[in-house]
Amino acid sequence: MSRTRRRSDSIREDEELRLPRAPGLFRRYWARHPVFADVLLTLFCLFLSLAPAGRFVNESVPESAYIALNIATVAMVVVACSTLLWRRRAPLVPFFAAMILGTASLFTGPSSGTILLLVACYGLAVYRSSRTAWTCYGIGAVWFLLLSGLLMLTGVIVMQNGLDTALSYIVLGLIGTLIGVNVGGRKRYLSAVIDRSRQLLVERDQQAQLAAASERARIAREMHDIVSHSLTVIVALSEGAAATPDREQARRAAIHTADTARAALTEMRSMLGVLRDDDSPLPLAPMKPAPPRDTVEAAQRAGYPATLTVAGQAEVSPAVAHAIGRIVQEGVTNAMRHAPTASAITVRLEYTPDSVTIDIVNDGATGGIGTEGFGLRGLAERAAHVQGSVESAPTDGGRWVLRAVLPTKAAAPAPQDESTEDDG
């Protein structure tokens, strides 16, 4: 169901655009009351047109024919001027009415339709288009010139009457067209500028919503990576400390638990600094994730059989380095959570001049492929951010493989995202 546009909606949009107040008291009143303005203009044009219509004098015409001709002329003027009520919706109607009335004036004598033609040409340029106004004016000018010349050559009308009627219509029609083209062009230009401003407001709101959604997704990814990995390590260390009878080993596990918790807290505070709304010099991007070697060592301290193999060497961009750290962190965390009986968690990084391949394999996976959680979704977003790809699926022998292929040089992020999207 279409929604009716209310005047209050337009007022709110204009206030948001901060448009200046329209100049002129009468101009504002004219714009707010178009029907009253059209009625007033019609009556004014009718008054000016009826004045010459009542001055028809021709002694050779009988009195009865003279009265009938004057009545017919007045009726034509009234009907023609009443078409101005439709000048906004159908501006061609007043123009053709003025043409008919002007043609009749060549035979009746007085030029009773010149004012109507001026207003009609103005309306064509304002409410239709400048091209239509000039085209109709040219057709009308040629018509009056040819018809007046033909009637004068055949002796139907005298030269003075024909010239006066034709020139009055051509000159007043030209004046109305020129004024209408100027006013209509300015009106259409202002309307286009206002429409463009409204479009920019909509685009601004959309960009703000997209930026907010992107920031929420970034914070969700960071929160998941920090909380998931750190709590998984803390739980494993705490369970190991509670299960071992060796007090020294339990003490080392407690120390590692505290260190992991402090690191997670520091990283979370740094990441949440973007949400603060003050002048504190907190970074707008999260701290760099732990290097792959530190992640593997944390898993080893928690009692998991994790190993790291690095093949090759290449310079990578900061965004790619961030993605590598997060992917290794998430892959090892998933193995610790979902494959607690794994006999091996293998992390392999293979660097080439053009790409980096990350393979994280564990042999304790059970079941098939389920619904992707926040972790795998976040990894896919990180890889896509640096034009890479991530695949996670079981293989033969009860193993689960997480493979990511990233380019060594990621494209620079868009300028509007540099302050908030620096997480690879």
Protein backbone atom coordinates (compact mmCIF):
# COMPACT_ATOMS: atom_id res chain seq x y z
CA MET A 1 0.00 0.00 0.00
CA SER A 2 1.43 3.36 -1.00
CA ARG A 3 2.02 5.85 1.75
CA THR A 4 0.57 9.32 1.33
CA ARG A 5 3.24 11.95 1.66
CA ARG A 6 2.25 14.48 4.27
CA ARG A 7 3.24 18.12 4.33
CA SER A 8 4.90 17.63 7.73
CA ASP A 9 7.27 15.06 6.19
CA SER A 10 8.41 17.61 3.62
CA ILE A 11 8.86 20.23 6.34
CA ARG A 12 11.04 17.87 8.41
CA GLU A 13 13.18 17.06 5.35
CA ASP A 14 13.61 20.76 4.57
CA GLU A 15 14.59 21.44 8.19
CA GLU A 16 17.17 18.66 8.02
CA LEU A 17 18.52 20.13 4.79
CA ARG A 18 18.66 23.55 6.51
CA LEU A 19 17.14 25.27 3.48
CA PRO A 20 16.90 29.07 3.71
CA ARG A 21 13.50 30.63 3.95
CA ALA A 22 11.97 31.46 0.59
CA PRO A 23 12.21 35.22 -0.10
CA GLY A 24 9.13 37.39 -0.42
CA LEU A 25 5.86 37.25 1.50
CA PHE A 26 3.69 37.14 -1.62
CA ARG A 27 5.91 34.55 -3.29
CA ARG A 28 5.62 32.22 -0.29
CA TYR A 29 1.86 32.71 -0.13
CA TRP A 30 1.61 32.09 -3.89
CA ALA A 31 3.57 28.83 -3.54
CA ARG A 32 1.51 27.58 -0.57
CA HIS A 33 -1.86 28.28 -2.25
CA PRO A 34 -1.55 27.25 -5.92
CA VAL A 35 -5.31 26.85 -6.52
CA PHE A 36 -6.10 30.32 -5.24
CA ALA A 37 -3.23 31.72 -7.31
CA ASP A 38 -4.55 30.06 -10.48
CA VAL A 39 -8.08 31.35 -9.87
CA LEU A 40 -6.79 34.87 -9.27
CA LEU A 41 -4.62 34.75 -12.40
CA THR A 42 -7.56 33.45 -14.44
CA LEU A 43 -9.82 36.30 -13.29
CA PHE A 44 -7.09 38.87 -13.97
CA CYS A 45 -6.47 37.50 -17.46
CA LEU A 46 -10.24 37.35 -18.11
CA PHE A 47 -10.65 40.99 -17.11
CA LEU A 48 -7.87 42.15 -19.44
CA SER A 49 -9.13 40.00 -22.29
CA LEU A 50 -12.79 41.06 -22.05
CA ALA A 51 -11.92 44.75 -22.34
CA PRO A 52 -10.85 44.62 -26.00
CA ALA A 53 -13.47 41.96 -26.77
CA GLY A 54 -16.30 44.43 -26.10
CA ARG A 55 -14.92 47.10 -28.49
CA PHE A 56 -15.75 45.30 -31.74
CA VAL A 57 -17.30 47.84 -34.16
CA ASN A 58 -18.18 47.13 -37.81
CA GLU A 59 -20.91 49.26 -39.40
CA SER A 60 -21.33 46.85 -42.33
CA VAL A 61 -22.49 44.06 -40.03
CA PRO A 62 -26.21 43.95 -39.12
CA GLU A 63 -27.11 44.69 -35.54
CA SER A 64 -28.33 41.16 -34.81
CA ALA A 65 -25.15 39.63 -36.24
CA TYR A 66 -23.12 42.24 -34.36
CA ILE A 67 -24.70 41.22 -31.02
CA ALA A 68 -24.29 37.51 -31.74
CA LEU A 69 -20.65 38.01 -32.75
CA ASN A 70 -19.88 39.93 -29.57
CA ILE A 71 -21.60 37.28 -27.43
CA ALA A 72 -19.65 34.53 -29.20
CA THR A 73 -16.40 36.44 -28.74
CA VAL A 74 -17.04 36.96 -25.02
CA ALA A 75 -17.91 33.29 -24.61
CA MET A 76 -14.71 32.25 -26.40
CA VAL A 77 -12.66 34.54 -24.14
CA VAL A 78 -14.28 33.13 -20.99
CA VAL A 79 -13.72 29.53 -22.08
CA ALA A 80 -10.15 30.21 -23.20
CA CYS A 81 -9.19 32.01 -19.99
CA SER A 82 -10.74 29.29 -17.85
CA THR A 83 -8.17 26.85 -19.26
CA LEU A 84 -5.57 28.62 -17.10
CA LEU A 85 -6.93 26.61 -14.18
CA TRP A 86 -5.16 23.58 -15.72
CA ARG A 87 -1.93 25.37 -16.62
CA ARG A 88 0.11 23.41 -14.06
CA ARG A 89 -1.16 19.94 -14.99
CA ALA A 90 -1.77 20.47 -18.73
CA PRO A 91 0.08 23.61 -19.89
CA LEU A 92 -0.57 22.83 -23.56
CA VAL A 93 -4.33 23.42 -23.12
CA PRO A 94 -4.07 27.19 -22.41
CA PHE A 95 -1.60 27.57 -25.27
CA PHE A 96 -3.91 26.00 -27.86
CA ALA A 97 -6.82 28.01 -26.43
CA ALA A 98 -4.78 31.20 -26.91
CA MET A 99 -3.94 30.14 -30.46
CA ILE A 100 -7.61 29.59 -31.29
CA LEU A 101 -8.60 32.87 -29.68
CA GLY A 102 -5.85 34.71 -31.56
CA THR A 103 -6.90 33.17 -34.85
CA ALA A 104 -10.46 34.32 -34.23
CA SER A 105 -9.16 37.82 -33.40
CA LEU A 106 -7.82 38.14 -36.94
CA PHE A 107 -11.42 38.05 -38.16
CA THR A 108 -13.20 39.86 -35.31
CA GLY A 109 -10.71 42.68 -34.97
CA PRO A 110 -9.59 43.25 -31.35
CA SER A 111 -6.68 41.16 -30.04
CA SER A 112 -8.42 39.72 -26.99
CA GLY A 113 -6.08 36.75 -26.48
CA THR A 114 -2.64 38.35 -26.26
CA ILE A 115 -2.52 38.30 -22.45
CA LEU A 116 -3.65 34.67 -22.48
CA LEU A 117 -0.87 33.77 -24.92
CA LEU A 118 1.74 35.49 -22.72
CA VAL A 119 0.63 33.50 -19.65
CA ALA A 120 0.32 30.28 -21.64
CA CYS A 121 3.86 30.54 -23.04
CA TYR A 122 5.15 31.26 -19.54
CA GLY A 123 3.33 28.20 -18.19
CA LEU A 124 4.76 25.96 -20.91
CA ALA A 125 8.33 26.92 -20.02
CA VAL A 126 7.80 26.62 -16.25
CA TYR A 127 5.61 23.52 -15.98
CA ARG A 128 6.65 21.57 -19.08
CA SER A 129 10.11 22.32 -20.48
CA SER A 130 12.05 25.05 -22.23
CA ARG A 131 12.23 23.00 -25.42
CA THR A 132 8.46 22.57 -25.51
CA ALA A 133 7.95 26.30 -24.89
CA TRP A 134 10.28 27.34 -27.72
CA THR A 135 8.77 24.75 -30.08
CA CYS A 136 5.21 25.87 -29.41
CA TYR A 137 6.16 29.53 -29.64
CA GLY A 138 7.85 28.96 -33.00
CA ILE A 139 4.81 27.11 -34.32
CA GLY A 140 2.52 29.90 -33.12
CA ALA A 141 4.68 32.67 -34.59
CA VAL A 142 4.86 30.96 -37.99
CA TRP A 143 1.10 30.31 -37.91
CA PHE A 144 0.19 33.95 -37.19
CA LEU A 145 2.63 35.30 -39.76
CA LEU A 146 1.43 32.97 -42.53
CA LEU A 147 -2.26 33.37 -41.71
CA SER A 148 -2.04 37.18 -41.40
CA GLY A 149 -0.12 37.42 -44.67
CA LEU A 150 -2.63 35.20 -46.48
CA LEU A 151 -5.63 37.15 -45.17
CA MET A 152 -4.02 40.48 -46.09
CA LEU A 153 -3.15 39.31 -49.59
CA THR A 154 -6.68 38.04 -50.20
CA GLY A 155 -8.22 41.25 -48.83
CA VAL A 156 -10.13 39.59 -46.00
CA ILE A 157 -8.54 41.92 -43.44
CA VAL A 158 -6.79 45.23 -43.76
CA MET A 159 -3.02 45.36 -43.48
CA GLN A 160 -3.00 47.43 -40.30
CA ASN A 161 -5.30 45.03 -38.46
CA GLY A 162 -3.37 41.98 -39.59
CA LEU A 163 0.03 43.42 -38.69
CA ASP A 164 -1.14 44.63 -35.27
CA THR A 165 -2.68 41.29 -34.37
CA ALA A 166 0.24 39.17 -35.62
CA LEU A 167 2.97 41.33 -34.06
CA SER A 168 1.17 41.61 -30.71
CA TYR A 169 0.91 37.84 -30.47
CA ILE A 170 4.52 37.27 -31.56
CA VAL A 171 6.00 39.91 -29.21
CA LEU A 172 3.95 38.99 -26.14
CA GLY A 173 4.49 35.29 -26.79
CA LEU A 174 8.24 35.90 -26.97
CA ILE A 175 8.19 37.86 -23.70
CA GLY A 176 6.23 35.13 -21.93
CA THR A 177 8.55 32.42 -23.27
CA LEU A 178 11.72 34.26 -22.23
CA ILE A 179 10.45 34.92 -18.72
CA GLY A 180 9.17 31.36 -18.39
CA VAL A 181 12.43 29.82 -19.60
CA ASN A 182 14.36 31.85 -17.03
CA VAL A 183 12.00 31.08 -14.14
CA GLY A 184 11.49 27.44 -15.14
CA GLY A 185 15.19 26.79 -15.57
CA ARG A 186 15.94 28.23 -12.14
CA LYS A 187 13.06 26.25 -10.61
CA ARG A 188 14.22 22.97 -12.13
CA TYR A 189 17.81 23.64 -11.13
CA LEU A 190 16.85 24.32 -7.51
CA SER A 191 14.64 21.23 -7.48
CA ALA A 192 17.54 19.12 -8.78
CA VAL A 193 19.90 20.57 -6.16
CA ILE A 194 17.41 19.88 -3.34
CA ASP A 195 16.77 16.34 -4.60
CA ARG A 196 20.51 15.74 -4.76
CA SER A 197 20.88 17.07 -1.22
CA ARG A 198 18.16 14.72 0.02
CA GLN A 199 19.88 11.84 -1.77
CA LEU A 200 23.17 12.76 -0.10
CA LEU A 201 21.43 12.77 3.28
CA VAL A 202 20.10 9.27 2.63
CA GLU A 203 23.52 8.10 1.47
CA ARG A 204 25.11 9.66 4.55
CA ASP A 205 22.73 7.77 6.82
CA GLN A 206 23.38 4.56 4.90
CA GLN A 207 27.13 5.03 5.14
CA ALA A 208 26.80 5.61 8.87
CA GLN A 209 24.77 2.42 9.25
CA LEU A 210 27.29 0.45 7.18
CA ALA A 211 30.17 1.84 9.23
CA ALA A 212 28.37 0.94 12.47
CA ALA A 213 27.65 -2.58 11.21
CA SER A 214 31.27 -3.02 10.11
CA GLU A 215 32.50 -1.83 13.50
CA ARG A 216 30.14 -4.17 15.32
CA ALA A 217 31.38 -7.08 13.20
CA ARG A 218 35.01 -6.11 13.89
CA ILE A 219 34.42 -5.90 17.65
CA ALA A 220 32.55 -9.22 17.57
CA ARG A 221 35.47 -10.91 15.80
CA GLU A 222 38.01 -9.47 18.22
CA MET A 223 35.92 -10.30 21.29
CA HIS A 224 35.43 -13.86 20.08
CA ASP A 225 39.11 -14.40 19.34
CA ILE A 226 40.30 -12.89 22.62
CA VAL A 227 37.70 -14.53 24.87
CA SER A 228 37.56 -17.90 23.13
CA HIS A 229 41.29 -18.52 22.90
CA SER A 230 42.21 -17.08 26.28
CA LEU A 231 39.44 -18.84 28.20
CA THR A 232 40.19 -22.14 26.47
CA VAL A 233 43.83 -21.91 27.57
CA ILE A 234 42.83 -20.77 31.07
CA VAL A 235 40.36 -23.66 31.47
CA ALA A 236 42.94 -26.19 30.29
CA LEU A 237 45.62 -24.80 32.62
CA SER A 238 43.22 -24.65 35.57
CA GLU A 239 42.06 -28.23 35.05
CA GLY A 240 45.66 -29.39 34.73
CA ALA A 241 46.66 -27.56 37.89
CA ALA A 242 43.74 -29.11 39.79
CA ALA A 243 44.49 -32.61 38.50
CA THR A 244 48.25 -32.79 39.11
CA PRO A 245 49.62 -33.79 42.51
CA ASP A 246 52.87 -31.95 41.79
CA ARG A 247 52.69 -28.61 43.62
CA GLU A 248 55.47 -27.07 41.49
CA GLN A 249 53.73 -28.02 38.26
CA ALA A 250 50.44 -26.70 39.64
CA ARG A 251 52.16 -23.45 40.58
CA ARG A 252 53.57 -23.02 37.05
CA ALA A 253 50.12 -23.72 35.60
CA ALA A 254 48.60 -21.08 37.88
CA ILE A 255 51.27 -18.57 36.80
CA HIS A 256 50.58 -19.31 33.13
CA THR A 257 46.87 -18.93 33.82
CA ALA A 258 47.41 -15.51 35.36
CA ASP A 259 49.70 -14.45 32.49
CA THR A 260 47.13 -15.55 29.91
CA ALA A 261 44.35 -13.69 31.72
CA ARG A 262 46.44 -10.50 31.98
CA ALA A 263 47.32 -10.62 28.29
CA ALA A 264 43.67 -11.14 27.37
CA LEU A 265 42.60 -8.28 29.63
CA THR A 266 45.22 -5.95 28.15
CA GLU A 267 44.21 -6.80 24.60
CA MET A 268 40.51 -6.42 25.38
CA ARG A 269 41.04 -3.02 27.01
CA SER A 270 42.99 -1.88 23.98
CA MET A 271 40.31 -3.15 21.61
CA LEU A 272 37.49 -1.53 23.58
CA GLY A 273 39.32 1.79 23.53
CA VAL A 274 37.62 2.54 20.21
CA LEU A 275 34.29 2.67 22.04
CA ARG A 276 35.35 5.47 24.35
CA ASP A 277 34.12 8.95 23.59
CA ASP A 278 36.73 11.14 25.19
CA ASP A 279 40.13 12.59 24.41
CA SER A 280 42.16 9.79 25.94
CA PRO A 281 45.00 8.65 23.68
CA LEU A 282 43.77 5.06 23.39
CA PRO A 283 44.48 3.22 20.13
CA LEU A 284 41.63 2.91 17.68
CA ALA A 285 42.62 -0.61 16.64
CA PRO A 286 43.18 -3.74 18.72
CA MET A 287 46.65 -4.83 19.66
CA LYS A 288 48.38 -7.29 17.40
CA PRO A 289 47.47 -10.91 18.14
CA ALA A 290 50.01 -13.29 19.57
CA PRO A 291 52.46 -14.65 16.99
CA PRO A 292 51.79 -18.22 15.86
CA ARG A 293 54.74 -19.49 17.91
CA ASP A 294 53.34 -17.98 21.13
CA THR A 295 49.93 -19.51 20.41
CA VAL A 296 51.44 -22.96 19.95
CA GLU A 297 53.55 -22.58 23.09
CA ALA A 298 50.45 -21.59 25.09
CA ALA A 299 48.70 -24.75 23.86
CA GLN A 300 51.78 -26.81 24.83
CA ARG A 301 51.79 -25.31 28.32
CA ALA A 302 48.13 -26.30 28.62
CA GLY A 303 49.12 -29.90 27.90
CA TYR A 304 48.15 -30.21 24.25
CA PRO A 305 50.48 -31.88 21.68
CA ALA A 306 50.81 -28.84 19.43
CA THR A 307 53.70 -28.32 17.01
CA LEU A 308 54.65 -25.52 14.62
CA THR A 309 56.46 -25.81 11.30
CA VAL A 310 57.47 -22.80 9.23
CA ALA A 311 58.65 -23.21 5.64
CA GLY A 312 60.06 -20.34 3.60
CA GLN A 313 60.24 -16.68 4.44
CA ALA A 314 58.55 -13.63 2.96
CA GLU A 315 57.66 -10.09 3.91
CA VAL A 316 53.94 -9.72 4.56
CA SER A 317 51.80 -6.65 5.09
CA PRO A 318 50.56 -5.79 8.62
CA ALA A 319 47.01 -6.78 7.68
CA VAL A 320 48.15 -10.20 6.48
CA ALA A 321 50.34 -10.68 9.59
CA HIS A 322 47.31 -9.86 11.74
CA ALA A 323 45.18 -12.36 9.82
CA ILE A 324 47.84 -15.06 10.16
CA GLY A 325 47.99 -14.61 13.92
CA ARG A 326 44.22 -14.70 14.34
CA ILE A 327 43.76 -17.71 12.04
CA VAL A 328 46.40 -19.74 13.88
CA GLN A 329 44.91 -18.66 17.21
CA GLU A 330 41.38 -19.66 16.21
CA GLY A 331 42.48 -22.93 14.60
CA VAL A 332 44.46 -24.05 17.64
CA THR A 333 41.65 -22.97 19.97
CA ASN A 334 39.10 -25.00 17.99
CA ALA A 335 41.39 -28.04 18.16
CA MET A 336 41.78 -27.63 21.93
CA ARG A 337 38.03 -27.30 22.44
CA HIS A 338 36.64 -29.84 19.98
CA ALA A 339 39.46 -32.39 19.81
CA PRO A 340 40.62 -32.86 23.42
CA THR A 341 41.78 -36.44 22.65
CA ALA A 342 43.96 -35.44 19.71
CA SER A 343 47.41 -36.98 19.68
CA ALA A 344 48.79 -34.21 17.49
CA ILE A 345 47.84 -30.62 16.61
CA THR A 346 50.04 -29.61 13.69
CA VAL A 347 50.42 -26.01 12.57
CA ARG A 348 52.28 -25.45 9.31
CA LEU A 349 53.06 -22.07 7.72
CA GLU A 350 54.40 -22.08 4.19
CA TYR A 351 55.63 -18.76 2.82
CA THR A 352 56.10 -18.09 -0.89
CA PRO A 353 56.79 -14.77 -2.62
CA ASP A 354 53.10 -14.42 -3.52
CA SER A 355 51.11 -16.21 -0.82
CA VAL A 356 51.06 -17.71 2.65
CA THR A 357 49.44 -21.11 3.23
CA ILE A 358 48.30 -22.03 6.75
CA ASP A 359 47.47 -25.66 7.58
CA ILE A 360 46.16 -26.61 11.03
CA VAL A 361 45.52 -30.34 11.39
CA ASN A 362 44.36 -32.40 14.37
CA ASP A 363 43.55 -36.11 14.55
CA GLY A 364 40.91 -35.98 17.26
CA ALA A 365 37.94 -34.68 15.31
CA THR A 366 34.61 -36.52 15.62
CA GLY A 367 31.37 -36.14 13.66
CA GLY A 368 30.76 -34.32 10.39
CA ILE A 369 30.56 -30.76 9.27
CA GLY A 370 28.17 -28.72 11.39
CA THR A 371 26.90 -25.18 11.29
CA GLU A 372 29.65 -22.60 11.20
CA GLY A 373 30.01 -20.66 14.43
CA PHE A 374 31.26 -17.18 15.09
CA GLY A 375 34.88 -18.31 14.94
CA LEU A 376 34.83 -19.77 11.42
CA ARG A 377 32.67 -16.89 10.21
CA GLY A 378 35.18 -14.43 11.62
CA LEU A 379 38.06 -16.27 9.95
CA ALA A 380 36.26 -16.14 6.61
CA GLU A 381 35.75 -12.39 7.05
CA ARG A 382 39.41 -11.87 7.96
CA ALA A 383 40.61 -13.85 4.95
CA ALA A 384 38.22 -12.01 2.62
CA HIS A 385 39.48 -8.69 4.00
CA VAL A 386 42.97 -9.46 2.66
CA GLN A 387 41.67 -11.18 -0.51
CA GLY A 388 42.35 -14.68 0.83
CA SER A 389 40.30 -17.82 1.47
CA VAL A 390 39.66 -20.26 4.34
CA GLU A 391 38.46 -23.87 4.24
CA SER A 392 37.65 -26.09 7.21
CA ALA A 393 36.57 -29.74 6.78
CA PRO A 394 37.28 -33.29 7.97
CA THR A 395 39.58 -35.60 6.01
CA ASP A 396 40.43 -39.29 6.04
CA GLY A 397 41.68 -40.89 9.21
CA GLY A 398 39.55 -38.82 11.57
CA ARG A 399 41.57 -35.67 10.96
CA TRP A 400 40.28 -32.14 10.69
CA VAL A 401 42.05 -29.66 8.45
CA LEU A 402 41.80 -25.88 8.55
CA ARG A 403 43.51 -24.37 5.51
CA ALA A 404 43.90 -20.70 4.71
CA VAL A 405 45.61 -19.16 1.68
CA LEU A 406 46.46 -15.46 1.96
CA PRO A 407 48.36 -13.12 -0.35
CA THR A 408 51.57 -11.69 1.05
CA LYS A 409 50.51 -8.14 0.11
CA ALA A 410 46.93 -7.18 0.90
CA ALA A 411 45.23 -4.27 -0.83
CA ALA A 412 44.96 -1.11 1.25
CA PRO A 413 41.58 -0.66 2.95
CA ALA A 414 39.21 2.08 1.88
CA PRO A 415 39.97 5.54 3.38
CA GLN A 416 36.74 5.64 5.38
CA ASP A 417 37.58 2.29 7.05
CA GLU A 418 41.19 2.95 8.01
CA SER A 419 40.35 4.12 11.51
CA THR A 420 38.18 1.15 12.39
CA GLU A 421 39.01 -1.78 10.10
CA ASP A 422 42.63 -2.72 10.78
CA ASP A 423 42.21 -6.26 11.96
CA GLY A 424 43.24 -8.15 8.85
